Amino acid sequence: MKSRVACFVILWLATAASWAQTANPIPDQFLPAYLKARPNAFLVDPQGLLNAADFQDRLKFLNYHASDSTIDLFVYLIGGDQDFPEERRKREIVERFFAAGRPAVIVFYTLGAPQYSTMDLSPALTSHIPAIDQRHALASSIQQASQKLASVEQFDTFCVQLSIRIYWMERLVSGEPPVHINERPAARISPEKAKAAEKSAEKSAKLLAIRDQALKFALPAGVVLGLLAMVCVYLRVTGARTQYHFPVLEVEPRLGGNHAAGVGAVISFASAAVPPASQRDQMPEYLRRA
């Protein structure tokens, strides 16, 4: 196990060294937010690399860790292809802002590329935590995070694993006997903290699954909706321009005239003084019924 960790540390250091030559500096407009003062929150993300919901979920976990541990965990988020202009600036942040107050672990986490993340300890911890244990804590957290694919899920796993390692640091600071690195750390985590970490990871996994499904069907759905919109516009335009022509029907004149008479049957009486019944033509009854 020790040899595997050592190999991983060596590989990580080599990768970090090569990456440092090609990394881009953080844009100048964001540097004051990193360097001006001790952060008021345990998660520092001035560039908005996390969306609002993911940021609140991660911050909630770090707040819970602070309430359940004597060592705080501060995380500065930077882009996967970024680094501070000079490495010494990170150490200056630790020495200026974390020399007093509660002991803290300060992580400069590269979102989407956990293998490039770095970690520092506040001066109150450096004399109690050997350098080899510091490297093991960072390497173990990076190794666990690298097993995930999504950047937010990697960040979750990294924070959970590092919070476990911080409990080992508490034992060293308090003078308790050191624990073998292979010992399961779950026994040192309170049930509430483990439940919170599990819930946060489960929520992130669900959100990532929904996002992946949405991205999978977004392009076909967009194409279909676009085609339907084009068809509707085409039908609307062509319908507005449509003209209807009714044929002219040839009607023959009635009885050779231009039009028929405009009156019906006319009944006239010979005398107004004689009842109408006596003025009708007299005919046999059988003919009248016919």
Protein backbone atom coordinates (compact mmCIF):
# COMPACT_ATOMS: atom_id res chain seq x y z
CA MET A 1 0.00 0.00 0.00
CA LYS A 2 2.80 2.43 0.89
CA SER A 3 4.57 1.71 -2.37
CA ARG A 4 1.37 2.36 -4.33
CA VAL A 5 0.85 5.67 -2.58
CA ALA A 6 4.48 6.64 -3.17
CA CYS A 7 4.18 5.83 -6.88
CA PHE A 8 1.03 7.86 -7.09
CA VAL A 9 2.70 10.81 -5.37
CA ILE A 10 5.68 10.66 -7.73
CA LEU A 11 3.38 10.46 -10.78
CA TRP A 12 1.28 13.31 -9.47
CA LEU A 13 4.33 15.51 -8.84
CA ALA A 14 5.64 14.83 -12.35
CA THR A 15 2.27 15.62 -13.89
CA ALA A 16 1.90 18.77 -11.82
CA ALA A 17 5.35 19.94 -12.86
CA SER A 18 4.57 19.54 -16.56
CA TRP A 19 1.18 21.18 -16.15
CA ALA A 20 2.68 24.18 -14.35
CA GLN A 21 4.60 25.05 -17.50
CA THR A 22 1.42 25.30 -19.62
CA ALA A 23 -1.14 26.53 -17.05
CA ASN A 24 -2.78 29.90 -17.62
CA PRO A 25 -2.73 32.52 -14.84
CA ILE A 26 -5.98 33.56 -13.21
CA PRO A 27 -7.39 36.71 -14.90
CA ASP A 28 -6.31 39.87 -13.14
CA GLN A 29 -9.87 41.02 -12.38
CA PHE A 30 -10.40 37.96 -10.12
CA LEU A 31 -7.10 38.06 -8.24
CA PRO A 32 -8.21 40.59 -5.58
CA ALA A 33 -11.06 38.28 -4.56
CA TYR A 34 -8.47 35.57 -3.87
CA LEU A 35 -5.80 37.73 -2.27
CA LYS A 36 -7.38 40.69 -0.49
CA ALA A 37 -8.53 39.13 2.81
CA ARG A 38 -9.33 35.97 4.74
CA PRO A 39 -12.44 34.51 3.14
CA ASN A 40 -15.76 34.85 4.94
CA ALA A 41 -16.92 31.46 3.62
CA PHE A 42 -15.22 28.08 3.42
CA LEU A 43 -15.69 27.96 -0.37
CA VAL A 44 -14.13 30.71 -2.51
CA ASP A 45 -15.34 30.87 -6.12
CA PRO A 46 -15.06 34.45 -7.45
CA GLN A 47 -15.05 33.25 -11.06
CA GLY A 48 -18.41 31.49 -10.71
CA LEU A 49 -17.05 28.11 -11.81
CA LEU A 50 -19.93 26.39 -9.99
CA ASN A 51 -23.56 27.22 -10.60
CA ALA A 52 -25.59 28.58 -7.68
CA ALA A 53 -27.13 25.24 -6.65
CA ASP A 54 -23.83 23.32 -6.75
CA PHE A 55 -22.07 26.10 -4.87
CA GLN A 56 -24.63 26.06 -2.05
CA ASP A 57 -24.48 22.26 -1.77
CA ARG A 58 -20.68 22.23 -1.50
CA LEU A 59 -20.68 25.15 0.93
CA LYS A 60 -23.25 23.38 3.10
CA PHE A 61 -20.95 20.35 3.37
CA LEU A 62 -17.94 22.49 4.32
CA ASN A 63 -20.02 24.32 6.93
CA TYR A 64 -21.09 21.01 8.41
CA HIS A 65 -17.48 19.85 8.50
CA ALA A 66 -16.50 23.00 10.40
CA SER A 67 -19.25 22.38 12.97
CA ASP A 68 -18.07 18.80 13.50
CA SER A 69 -14.29 19.25 13.44
CA THR A 70 -11.68 21.32 15.23
CA ILE A 71 -9.86 21.91 11.92
CA ASP A 72 -11.54 24.02 9.25
CA LEU A 73 -11.37 23.22 5.54
CA PHE A 74 -11.12 26.17 3.14
CA VAL A 75 -11.29 25.56 -0.61
CA TYR A 76 -10.23 28.07 -3.28
CA LEU A 77 -11.67 27.08 -6.66
CA ILE A 78 -9.72 27.77 -9.85
CA GLY A 79 -10.24 26.65 -13.43
CA GLY A 80 -8.83 23.37 -14.68
CA ASP A 81 -6.30 25.18 -16.87
CA GLN A 82 -5.44 27.93 -14.38
CA ASP A 83 -2.94 28.59 -11.62
CA PHE A 84 -1.85 31.53 -9.53
CA PRO A 85 0.70 33.73 -11.30
CA GLU A 86 3.36 32.67 -8.79
CA GLU A 87 3.39 29.66 -6.51
CA ARG A 88 4.57 31.76 -3.58
CA ARG A 89 1.30 33.70 -3.66
CA LYS A 90 -0.49 30.65 -2.29
CA ARG A 91 1.87 30.46 0.66
CA GLU A 92 1.41 34.18 1.27
CA ILE A 93 -2.35 33.67 1.51
CA VAL A 94 -1.86 30.99 4.14
CA GLU A 95 0.65 32.99 6.18
CA ARG A 96 -1.28 36.27 6.04
CA PHE A 97 -4.85 35.11 6.57
CA PHE A 98 -4.59 31.84 8.51
CA ALA A 99 -1.82 32.54 11.01
CA ALA A 100 -4.42 33.26 13.68
CA GLY A 101 -7.75 31.71 14.54
CA ARG A 102 -8.81 28.10 14.26
CA PRO A 103 -6.36 25.73 12.57
CA ALA A 104 -7.25 25.16 8.94
CA VAL A 105 -6.44 23.14 5.86
CA ILE A 106 -6.35 25.34 2.76
CA VAL A 107 -6.87 23.73 -0.64
CA PHE A 108 -6.40 25.30 -4.05
CA TYR A 109 -8.65 23.01 -6.06
CA THR A 110 -8.60 22.92 -9.86
CA LEU A 111 -12.15 22.13 -10.95
CA GLY A 112 -12.22 19.32 -13.49
CA ALA A 113 -8.54 18.47 -12.93
CA PRO A 114 -8.14 17.36 -9.30
CA GLN A 115 -4.63 16.01 -9.98
CA TYR A 116 -3.36 19.61 -10.16
CA SER A 117 -4.79 20.64 -6.78
CA THR A 118 -2.49 21.73 -3.95
CA MET A 119 -2.90 21.85 -0.19
CA ASP A 120 -1.38 23.93 2.61
CA LEU A 121 -1.78 23.90 6.38
CA SER A 122 -2.10 26.86 8.69
CA PRO A 123 0.99 27.53 10.86
CA ALA A 124 -0.76 26.00 13.87
CA LEU A 125 -0.79 22.61 12.13
CA THR A 126 2.50 22.46 10.26
CA SER A 127 4.48 21.60 13.39
CA HIS A 128 2.13 18.71 14.27
CA ILE A 129 1.50 17.12 10.87
CA PRO A 130 4.55 15.54 9.19
CA ALA A 131 5.10 16.40 5.54
CA ILE A 132 4.66 12.76 4.52
CA ASP A 133 1.19 12.70 6.11
CA GLN A 134 0.28 15.91 4.33
CA ARG A 135 1.27 14.40 0.99
CA HIS A 136 -0.63 11.21 1.76
CA ALA A 137 -3.77 13.16 2.62
CA LEU A 138 -3.66 15.13 -0.64
CA ALA A 139 -2.69 12.12 -2.77
CA SER A 140 -5.48 9.99 -1.31
CA SER A 141 -8.07 12.69 -1.94
CA ILE A 142 -6.87 13.19 -5.51
CA GLN A 143 -6.86 9.45 -6.14
CA GLN A 144 -10.47 9.09 -4.94
CA ALA A 145 -11.63 12.11 -6.95
CA SER A 146 -9.92 10.90 -10.13
CA GLN A 147 -12.14 7.81 -10.15
CA LYS A 148 -15.14 10.03 -10.97
CA LEU A 149 -15.88 11.51 -14.38
CA ALA A 150 -18.00 14.59 -13.71
CA SER A 151 -16.17 17.62 -12.32
CA VAL A 152 -18.73 18.33 -9.57
CA GLU A 153 -18.73 14.69 -8.51
CA GLN A 154 -14.93 14.76 -8.39
CA PHE A 155 -15.08 17.81 -6.14
CA ASP A 156 -17.57 16.09 -3.83
CA THR A 157 -15.40 13.00 -3.51
CA PHE A 158 -12.26 15.06 -2.94
CA CYS A 159 -13.85 17.05 -0.09
CA VAL A 160 -15.29 13.96 1.59
CA GLN A 161 -11.98 12.09 1.45
CA LEU A 162 -10.00 15.08 2.66
CA SER A 163 -12.42 15.65 5.54
CA ILE A 164 -11.73 12.06 6.58
CA ARG A 165 -7.99 12.72 6.51
CA ILE A 166 -8.48 15.83 8.60
CA TYR A 167 -9.74 13.57 11.38
CA TRP A 168 -6.38 11.82 11.34
CA MET A 169 -4.77 15.23 11.69
CA GLU A 170 -6.93 15.91 14.74
CA ARG A 171 -5.58 12.75 16.37
CA LEU A 172 -2.00 13.88 15.79
CA VAL A 173 -2.67 17.40 17.10
CA SER A 174 -4.38 16.07 20.23
CA GLY A 175 -1.48 13.66 20.87
CA GLU A 176 -3.46 10.48 20.27
CA PRO A 177 -1.61 7.43 18.93
CA PRO A 178 -1.15 7.52 15.16
CA VAL A 179 -3.48 5.34 13.14
CA HIS A 180 -2.26 2.99 10.44
CA ILE A 181 -3.00 4.33 6.99
CA ASN A 182 -4.91 1.18 6.03
CA GLU A 183 -7.26 1.45 8.97
CA ARG A 184 -10.78 2.22 7.89
CA PRO A 185 -11.47 5.89 8.63
CA ALA A 186 -15.24 5.49 8.64
CA ALA A 187 -15.19 4.82 12.38
CA ARG A 188 -13.88 8.35 13.00
CA ILE A 189 -16.72 10.02 11.11
CA SER A 190 -19.87 10.89 13.01
CA PRO A 191 -23.08 9.36 11.65
CA GLU A 192 -24.46 12.81 10.92
CA LYS A 193 -21.42 13.78 8.85
CA ALA A 194 -21.42 10.52 6.92
CA LYS A 195 -25.14 10.89 6.22
CA ALA A 196 -24.69 14.47 5.03
CA ALA A 197 -21.81 13.50 2.74
CA GLU A 198 -23.76 10.57 1.32
CA LYS A 199 -26.84 12.72 0.76
CA SER A 200 -24.79 15.40 -0.97
CA ALA A 201 -23.07 12.86 -3.23
CA GLU A 202 -26.39 11.18 -4.06
CA LYS A 203 -27.99 14.50 -4.94
CA SER A 204 -25.04 15.45 -7.15
CA ALA A 205 -25.19 12.08 -8.92
CA LYS A 206 -28.91 12.52 -9.63
CA LEU A 207 -28.40 16.03 -10.95
CA LEU A 208 -25.53 14.88 -13.15
CA ALA A 209 -27.63 11.99 -14.50
CA ILE A 210 -30.48 14.36 -15.34
CA ARG A 211 -28.08 16.77 -16.97
CA ASP A 212 -26.49 13.99 -19.04
CA GLN A 213 -29.91 12.78 -20.21
CA ALA A 214 -30.94 16.32 -21.07
CA LEU A 215 -27.75 16.88 -23.06
CA LYS A 216 -28.23 13.54 -24.82
CA PHE A 217 -31.68 14.45 -26.13
CA ALA A 218 -31.17 18.20 -26.42
CA LEU A 219 -29.81 18.15 -29.98
CA PRO A 220 -32.46 15.79 -31.49
CA ALA A 221 -35.23 17.66 -29.69
CA GLY A 222 -33.88 20.97 -30.89
CA VAL A 223 -33.74 19.74 -34.49
CA VAL A 224 -37.32 18.42 -34.34
CA LEU A 225 -38.65 21.61 -32.75
CA GLY A 226 -36.79 23.69 -35.33
CA LEU A 227 -38.30 21.70 -38.21
CA LEU A 228 -41.80 21.99 -36.73
CA ALA A 229 -41.36 25.73 -36.34
CA MET A 230 -40.22 26.04 -39.96
CA VAL A 231 -43.22 24.01 -41.18
CA CYS A 232 -45.64 26.16 -39.15
CA VAL A 233 -44.11 29.37 -40.53
CA TYR A 234 -44.23 28.01 -44.08
CA LEU A 235 -47.90 27.00 -43.79
CA ARG A 236 -48.80 30.34 -42.28
CA VAL A 237 -47.04 32.31 -45.01
CA THR A 238 -48.38 30.22 -47.88
CA GLY A 239 -51.89 30.23 -46.36
CA ALA A 240 -51.91 34.03 -46.23
CA ARG A 241 -51.00 34.23 -49.92
CA THR A 242 -53.50 31.64 -51.13
CA GLN A 243 -56.23 32.90 -53.54
CA TYR A 244 -59.48 31.06 -54.39
CA HIS A 245 -61.24 31.41 -57.78
CA PHE A 246 -64.90 30.33 -58.17
CA PRO A 247 -66.05 29.28 -61.67
CA VAL A 248 -68.72 31.26 -63.55
CA LEU A 249 -71.72 28.96 -64.17
CA GLU A 250 -73.74 29.28 -67.36
CA VAL A 251 -77.49 29.46 -66.44
CA GLU A 252 -80.04 29.11 -69.23
CA PRO A 253 -82.83 31.72 -69.35
CA ARG A 254 -86.25 30.58 -68.05
CA LEU A 255 -88.89 30.21 -70.79
CA GLY A 256 -86.71 32.29 -73.05
CA GLY A 257 -86.82 35.33 -70.76
CA ASN A 258 -84.13 37.04 -68.80
CA HIS A 259 -85.83 36.22 -65.51
CA ALA A 260 -88.98 34.58 -64.13
CA ALA A 261 -92.07 36.33 -62.85
CA GLY A 262 -91.84 37.90 -59.47
CA VAL A 263 -95.44 37.07 -58.26
CA GLY A 264 -97.35 33.94 -57.32
CA ALA A 265 -100.94 32.86 -58.02
CA VAL A 266 -103.65 35.57 -58.10
CA ILE A 267 -107.23 35.00 -56.95
CA SER A 268 -109.85 37.49 -58.13
CA PHE A 269 -113.62 37.73 -57.44
CA ALA A 270 -116.33 38.98 -59.73
CA SER A 271 -118.28 40.80 -57.07
CA ALA A 272 -117.42 41.95 -53.60
CA ALA A 273 -121.09 41.69 -52.49
CA VAL A 274 -121.51 37.99 -53.25
CA PRO A 275 -119.89 35.36 -50.94
CA PRO A 276 -116.76 33.77 -52.45
CA ALA A 277 -118.22 30.24 -52.19
CA SER A 278 -121.04 31.12 -54.56
CA GLN A 279 -118.69 32.57 -57.12
CA ARG A 280 -116.58 29.49 -57.68
CA ASP A 281 -117.17 27.23 -60.63
CA GLN A 282 -119.81 24.65 -59.93
CA MET A 283 -118.68 21.06 -60.54
CA PRO A 284 -119.63 17.61 -59.27
CA GLU A 285 -118.30 16.64 -55.85
CA TYR A 286 -116.33 13.71 -57.18
CA LEU A 287 -114.45 16.00 -59.51
CA ARG A 288 -113.77 18.41 -56.64
CA ARG A 289 -112.17 15.60 -54.55
CA ALA A 290 -110.01 14.63 -57.45
